[in-house]
Amino acid sequence: MQKYFSDVKIQQEVFIELEKCKSDNWKIDKDRILLSIVKCSNGNIDKIKQLVTMANKDYRDVLAWAEYPNKMKQGFTNNKKVNSEIEKKDKEQFNNWLKS
């Protein structure tokens, strides 16, 4: 969180926004979705608000853009080799982001 939002007041605002996530119907871990929202926000509080709204409509959209950005940009293809390469890049970028 501090990587994107160093100001304590902004962090509090982010937490307030994240609390608005309606996770009752989510079939996966809420923390995964909240982490995806923070990642996709790139440090923009307005984007946090948009992503919370998006997650409340369909959390899979937020997960897809956070965890599979290259796949989302490329679109889906029947080429297994291309899919495999894209999935590998996406996994690497997400793991690198987590470590940073």
N, C-alpha and C. Protein backbone atom coordinates (compact mmCIF):
# COMPACT_ATOMS: atom_id res chain seq x y z
N MET A 1 0.82 -1.19 0.00
CA MET A 1 0.00 0.00 0.00
C MET A 1 0.87 1.26 0.00
N GLN A 2 1.92 1.25 0.82
CA GLN A 2 2.78 2.43 0.92
C GLN A 2 3.51 2.72 -0.38
N LYS A 3 3.70 1.69 -1.19
CA LYS A 3 4.36 1.89 -2.47
C LYS A 3 3.57 2.87 -3.34
N TYR A 4 2.27 2.73 -3.32
CA TYR A 4 1.41 3.57 -4.15
C TYR A 4 0.86 4.78 -3.41
N PHE A 5 0.64 4.64 -2.13
CA PHE A 5 0.00 5.71 -1.35
C PHE A 5 0.83 5.97 -0.10
N SER A 6 1.78 6.89 -0.18
CA SER A 6 2.68 7.15 0.93
C SER A 6 2.05 8.05 2.00
N ASP A 7 1.10 8.87 1.60
CA ASP A 7 0.42 9.78 2.53
C ASP A 7 -0.58 9.00 3.37
N VAL A 8 -0.50 9.14 4.69
CA VAL A 8 -1.35 8.39 5.61
C VAL A 8 -2.83 8.72 5.41
N LYS A 9 -3.14 9.97 5.14
CA LYS A 9 -4.54 10.36 4.91
C LYS A 9 -5.10 9.69 3.65
N ILE A 10 -4.28 9.63 2.64
CA ILE A 10 -4.70 8.96 1.39
C ILE A 10 -4.87 7.47 1.64
N GLN A 11 -3.97 6.88 2.43
CA GLN A 11 -4.11 5.46 2.77
C GLN A 11 -5.44 5.19 3.47
N GLN A 12 -5.79 6.08 4.38
CA GLN A 12 -7.07 5.92 5.07
C GLN A 12 -8.24 6.01 4.10
N GLU A 13 -8.15 6.92 3.15
CA GLU A 13 -9.19 7.05 2.14
C GLU A 13 -9.27 5.79 1.28
N VAL A 14 -8.12 5.23 0.95
CA VAL A 14 -8.09 3.99 0.17
C VAL A 14 -8.77 2.87 0.95
N PHE A 15 -8.45 2.74 2.23
CA PHE A 15 -9.07 1.69 3.05
C PHE A 15 -10.59 1.88 3.13
N ILE A 16 -11.04 3.11 3.23
CA ILE A 16 -12.48 3.39 3.26
C ILE A 16 -13.12 2.94 1.95
N GLU A 17 -12.45 3.24 0.83
CA GLU A 17 -12.98 2.83 -0.47
C GLU A 17 -13.00 1.30 -0.60
N LEU A 18 -11.93 0.66 -0.16
CA LEU A 18 -11.86 -0.80 -0.26
C LEU A 18 -12.92 -1.48 0.60
N GLU A 19 -13.29 -0.83 1.69
CA GLU A 19 -14.35 -1.36 2.55
C GLU A 19 -15.69 -1.43 1.82
N LYS A 20 -15.82 -0.67 0.75
CA LYS A 20 -17.08 -0.65 -0.02
C LYS A 20 -17.24 -1.86 -0.92
N CYS A 21 -16.23 -2.70 -0.97
CA CYS A 21 -16.33 -3.92 -1.77
C CYS A 21 -17.35 -4.86 -1.13
N LYS A 22 -18.28 -5.29 -1.92
CA LYS A 22 -19.34 -6.19 -1.44
C LYS A 22 -18.93 -7.62 -1.75
N SER A 23 -18.23 -8.21 -0.83
CA SER A 23 -17.63 -9.52 -1.08
C SER A 23 -18.53 -10.69 -0.70
N ASP A 24 -19.74 -10.44 -0.31
CA ASP A 24 -20.62 -11.52 0.15
C ASP A 24 -20.82 -12.60 -0.91
N ASN A 25 -20.89 -12.20 -2.16
CA ASN A 25 -21.16 -13.16 -3.23
C ASN A 25 -19.90 -13.63 -3.95
N TRP A 26 -18.74 -13.18 -3.49
CA TRP A 26 -17.51 -13.58 -4.14
C TRP A 26 -17.15 -15.00 -3.71
N LYS A 27 -16.74 -15.79 -4.68
CA LYS A 27 -16.41 -17.18 -4.39
C LYS A 27 -14.91 -17.39 -4.20
N ILE A 28 -14.18 -16.31 -4.14
CA ILE A 28 -12.73 -16.41 -3.93
C ILE A 28 -12.32 -15.48 -2.79
N ASP A 29 -11.06 -15.53 -2.47
CA ASP A 29 -10.51 -14.76 -1.37
C ASP A 29 -10.63 -13.26 -1.62
N LYS A 30 -11.23 -12.55 -0.68
CA LYS A 30 -11.42 -11.10 -0.80
C LYS A 30 -10.08 -10.38 -0.92
N ASP A 31 -9.06 -10.84 -0.19
CA ASP A 31 -7.76 -10.18 -0.24
C ASP A 31 -7.17 -10.19 -1.64
N ARG A 32 -7.42 -11.26 -2.38
CA ARG A 32 -6.92 -11.33 -3.76
C ARG A 32 -7.54 -10.23 -4.62
N ILE A 33 -8.79 -9.98 -4.41
CA ILE A 33 -9.48 -8.95 -5.18
C ILE A 33 -9.02 -7.56 -4.74
N LEU A 34 -8.89 -7.34 -3.45
CA LEU A 34 -8.43 -6.04 -2.96
C LEU A 34 -7.01 -5.75 -3.44
N LEU A 35 -6.16 -6.76 -3.43
CA LEU A 35 -4.80 -6.60 -3.93
C LEU A 35 -4.83 -6.24 -5.42
N SER A 36 -5.70 -6.87 -6.16
CA SER A 36 -5.84 -6.58 -7.59
C SER A 36 -6.30 -5.14 -7.82
N ILE A 37 -7.19 -4.67 -6.98
CA ILE A 37 -7.66 -3.28 -7.09
C ILE A 37 -6.50 -2.32 -6.88
N VAL A 38 -5.72 -2.56 -5.84
CA VAL A 38 -4.58 -1.68 -5.55
C VAL A 38 -3.58 -1.73 -6.71
N LYS A 39 -3.29 -2.91 -7.22
CA LYS A 39 -2.34 -3.04 -8.32
C LYS A 39 -2.80 -2.26 -9.55
N CYS A 40 -4.05 -2.45 -9.91
CA CYS A 40 -4.58 -1.79 -11.12
C CYS A 40 -4.73 -0.28 -10.96
N SER A 41 -4.77 0.19 -9.72
CA SER A 41 -4.96 1.62 -9.49
C SER A 41 -3.72 2.44 -9.85
N ASN A 42 -2.55 1.81 -9.78
CA ASN A 42 -1.28 2.52 -10.02
C ASN A 42 -1.15 3.78 -9.18
N GLY A 43 -1.69 3.73 -7.97
CA GLY A 43 -1.55 4.86 -7.06
C GLY A 43 -2.54 5.98 -7.25
N ASN A 44 -3.61 5.73 -7.97
CA ASN A 44 -4.61 6.76 -8.25
C ASN A 44 -5.88 6.46 -7.45
N ILE A 45 -6.21 7.33 -6.51
CA ILE A 45 -7.38 7.12 -5.64
C ILE A 45 -8.68 7.10 -6.44
N ASP A 46 -8.77 7.90 -7.49
CA ASP A 46 -9.98 7.88 -8.31
C ASP A 46 -10.13 6.54 -9.02
N LYS A 47 -9.01 5.97 -9.41
CA LYS A 47 -9.04 4.65 -10.05
C LYS A 47 -9.47 3.58 -9.05
N ILE A 48 -9.06 3.74 -7.78
CA ILE A 48 -9.51 2.82 -6.74
C ILE A 48 -11.03 2.79 -6.70
N LYS A 49 -11.63 3.97 -6.71
CA LYS A 49 -13.10 4.07 -6.66
C LYS A 49 -13.73 3.37 -7.86
N GLN A 50 -13.17 3.59 -9.04
CA GLN A 50 -13.69 2.95 -10.25
C GLN A 50 -13.57 1.42 -10.17
N LEU A 51 -12.43 0.98 -9.68
CA LEU A 51 -12.18 -0.46 -9.60
C LEU A 51 -13.05 -1.14 -8.55
N VAL A 52 -13.35 -0.45 -7.46
CA VAL A 52 -14.28 -1.00 -6.47
C VAL A 52 -15.65 -1.18 -7.10
N THR A 53 -16.08 -0.18 -7.85
CA THR A 53 -17.37 -0.28 -8.54
C THR A 53 -17.34 -1.46 -9.52
N MET A 54 -16.24 -1.59 -10.26
CA MET A 54 -16.10 -2.69 -11.21
C MET A 54 -16.15 -4.04 -10.49
N ALA A 55 -15.42 -4.15 -9.39
CA ALA A 55 -15.38 -5.40 -8.64
C ALA A 55 -16.75 -5.76 -8.08
N ASN A 56 -17.50 -4.77 -7.67
CA ASN A 56 -18.84 -5.03 -7.14
C ASN A 56 -19.79 -5.53 -8.23
N LYS A 57 -19.51 -5.16 -9.47
CA LYS A 57 -20.34 -5.66 -10.58
C LYS A 57 -19.88 -7.06 -10.99
N ASP A 58 -18.57 -7.21 -11.18
CA ASP A 58 -18.01 -8.51 -11.55
C ASP A 58 -16.52 -8.51 -11.22
N TYR A 59 -16.18 -9.12 -10.11
CA TYR A 59 -14.79 -9.09 -9.63
C TYR A 59 -13.81 -9.72 -10.61
N ARG A 60 -14.29 -10.58 -11.49
CA ARG A 60 -13.39 -11.25 -12.44
C ARG A 60 -12.71 -10.27 -13.37
N ASP A 61 -13.38 -9.15 -13.67
CA ASP A 61 -12.76 -8.14 -14.53
C ASP A 61 -11.52 -7.55 -13.87
N VAL A 62 -11.61 -7.26 -12.59
CA VAL A 62 -10.47 -6.70 -11.86
C VAL A 62 -9.33 -7.71 -11.79
N LEU A 63 -9.69 -8.96 -11.48
CA LEU A 63 -8.66 -10.00 -11.41
C LEU A 63 -7.96 -10.18 -12.75
N ALA A 64 -8.73 -10.18 -13.81
CA ALA A 64 -8.15 -10.40 -15.14
C ALA A 64 -7.13 -9.32 -15.48
N TRP A 65 -7.47 -8.07 -15.24
CA TRP A 65 -6.54 -6.98 -15.59
C TRP A 65 -5.33 -6.95 -14.66
N ALA A 66 -5.49 -7.37 -13.42
CA ALA A 66 -4.36 -7.37 -12.48
C ALA A 66 -3.42 -8.55 -12.73
N GLU A 67 -4.00 -9.71 -12.96
CA GLU A 67 -3.20 -10.93 -13.04
C GLU A 67 -2.83 -11.32 -14.47
N TYR A 68 -3.60 -10.88 -15.43
CA TYR A 68 -3.38 -11.28 -16.83
C TYR A 68 -3.45 -10.09 -17.79
N PRO A 69 -2.68 -9.04 -17.53
CA PRO A 69 -2.80 -7.84 -18.37
C PRO A 69 -2.40 -8.07 -19.83
N ASN A 70 -1.39 -8.88 -20.05
CA ASN A 70 -0.97 -9.14 -21.43
C ASN A 70 -2.03 -9.95 -22.18
N LYS A 71 -2.63 -10.90 -21.48
CA LYS A 71 -3.70 -11.71 -22.08
C LYS A 71 -4.90 -10.83 -22.41
N MET A 72 -5.21 -9.91 -21.53
CA MET A 72 -6.35 -9.02 -21.76
C MET A 72 -6.08 -8.10 -22.96
N LYS A 73 -4.85 -7.63 -23.09
CA LYS A 73 -4.51 -6.76 -24.22
C LYS A 73 -4.47 -7.55 -25.53
N GLN A 74 -3.92 -8.75 -25.48
CA GLN A 74 -3.78 -9.59 -26.66
C GLN A 74 -5.13 -10.12 -27.13
N GLY A 75 -5.98 -10.44 -26.18
CA GLY A 75 -7.22 -11.11 -26.53
C GLY A 75 -6.97 -12.61 -26.56
N PHE A 76 -8.01 -13.34 -26.79
CA PHE A 76 -7.89 -14.79 -26.75
C PHE A 76 -7.58 -15.34 -28.14
N THR A 77 -6.75 -16.36 -28.15
CA THR A 77 -6.33 -16.98 -29.40
C THR A 77 -6.33 -18.50 -29.22
N ASN A 78 -6.43 -19.20 -30.30
CA ASN A 78 -6.38 -20.66 -30.25
C ASN A 78 -4.95 -21.19 -30.33
N ASN A 79 -3.98 -20.31 -30.50
CA ASN A 79 -2.59 -20.70 -30.61
C ASN A 79 -2.05 -21.02 -29.22
N LYS A 80 -1.85 -22.30 -28.94
CA LYS A 80 -1.42 -22.74 -27.61
C LYS A 80 -0.05 -22.19 -27.23
N LYS A 81 0.85 -22.09 -28.21
CA LYS A 81 2.19 -21.58 -27.93
C LYS A 81 2.13 -20.12 -27.52
N VAL A 82 1.37 -19.33 -28.27
CA VAL A 82 1.22 -17.90 -27.95
C VAL A 82 0.56 -17.74 -26.58
N ASN A 83 -0.49 -18.51 -26.32
CA ASN A 83 -1.16 -18.45 -25.02
C ASN A 83 -0.21 -18.79 -23.89
N SER A 84 0.60 -19.81 -24.09
CA SER A 84 1.54 -20.24 -23.06
C SER A 84 2.57 -19.14 -22.77
N GLU A 85 3.09 -18.51 -23.81
CA GLU A 85 4.07 -17.45 -23.64
C GLU A 85 3.46 -16.24 -22.92
N ILE A 86 2.25 -15.88 -23.30
CA ILE A 86 1.57 -14.76 -22.66
C ILE A 86 1.29 -15.06 -21.20
N GLU A 87 0.81 -16.26 -20.92
CA GLU A 87 0.53 -16.65 -19.53
C GLU A 87 1.79 -16.63 -18.68
N LYS A 88 2.90 -17.06 -19.26
CA LYS A 88 4.18 -17.04 -18.53
C LYS A 88 4.58 -15.61 -18.21
N LYS A 89 4.47 -14.71 -19.19
CA LYS A 89 4.80 -13.29 -18.96
C LYS A 89 3.89 -12.69 -17.89
N ASP A 90 2.62 -13.02 -17.97
CA ASP A 90 1.68 -12.48 -16.98
C ASP A 90 2.01 -12.96 -15.57
N LYS A 91 2.33 -14.22 -15.44
CA LYS A 91 2.68 -14.77 -14.13
C LYS A 91 3.94 -14.10 -13.59
N GLU A 92 4.93 -13.92 -14.45
CA GLU A 92 6.17 -13.27 -14.04
C GLU A 92 5.93 -11.83 -13.61
N GLN A 93 5.14 -11.08 -14.39
CA GLN A 93 4.90 -9.68 -14.05
C GLN A 93 4.16 -9.57 -12.73
N PHE A 94 3.21 -10.46 -12.48
CA PHE A 94 2.46 -10.39 -11.22
C PHE A 94 3.35 -10.74 -10.04
N ASN A 95 4.16 -11.79 -10.18
CA ASN A 95 5.06 -12.16 -9.10
C ASN A 95 6.09 -11.07 -8.83
N ASN A 96 6.59 -10.45 -9.88
CA ASN A 96 7.54 -9.33 -9.71
C ASN A 96 6.87 -8.16 -9.00
N TRP A 97 5.62 -7.89 -9.35
CA TRP A 97 4.89 -6.82 -8.68
C TRP A 97 4.72 -7.12 -7.20
N LEU A 98 4.39 -8.35 -6.88
CA LEU A 98 4.23 -8.72 -5.47
C LEU A 98 5.51 -8.54 -4.68
N LYS A 99 6.64 -8.83 -5.32
CA LYS A 99 7.94 -8.74 -4.64
C LYS A 99 8.42 -7.30 -4.48
N SER A 100 7.90 -6.41 -5.30
CA SER A 100 8.39 -5.03 -5.26
C SER A 100 7.81 -4.23 -4.12
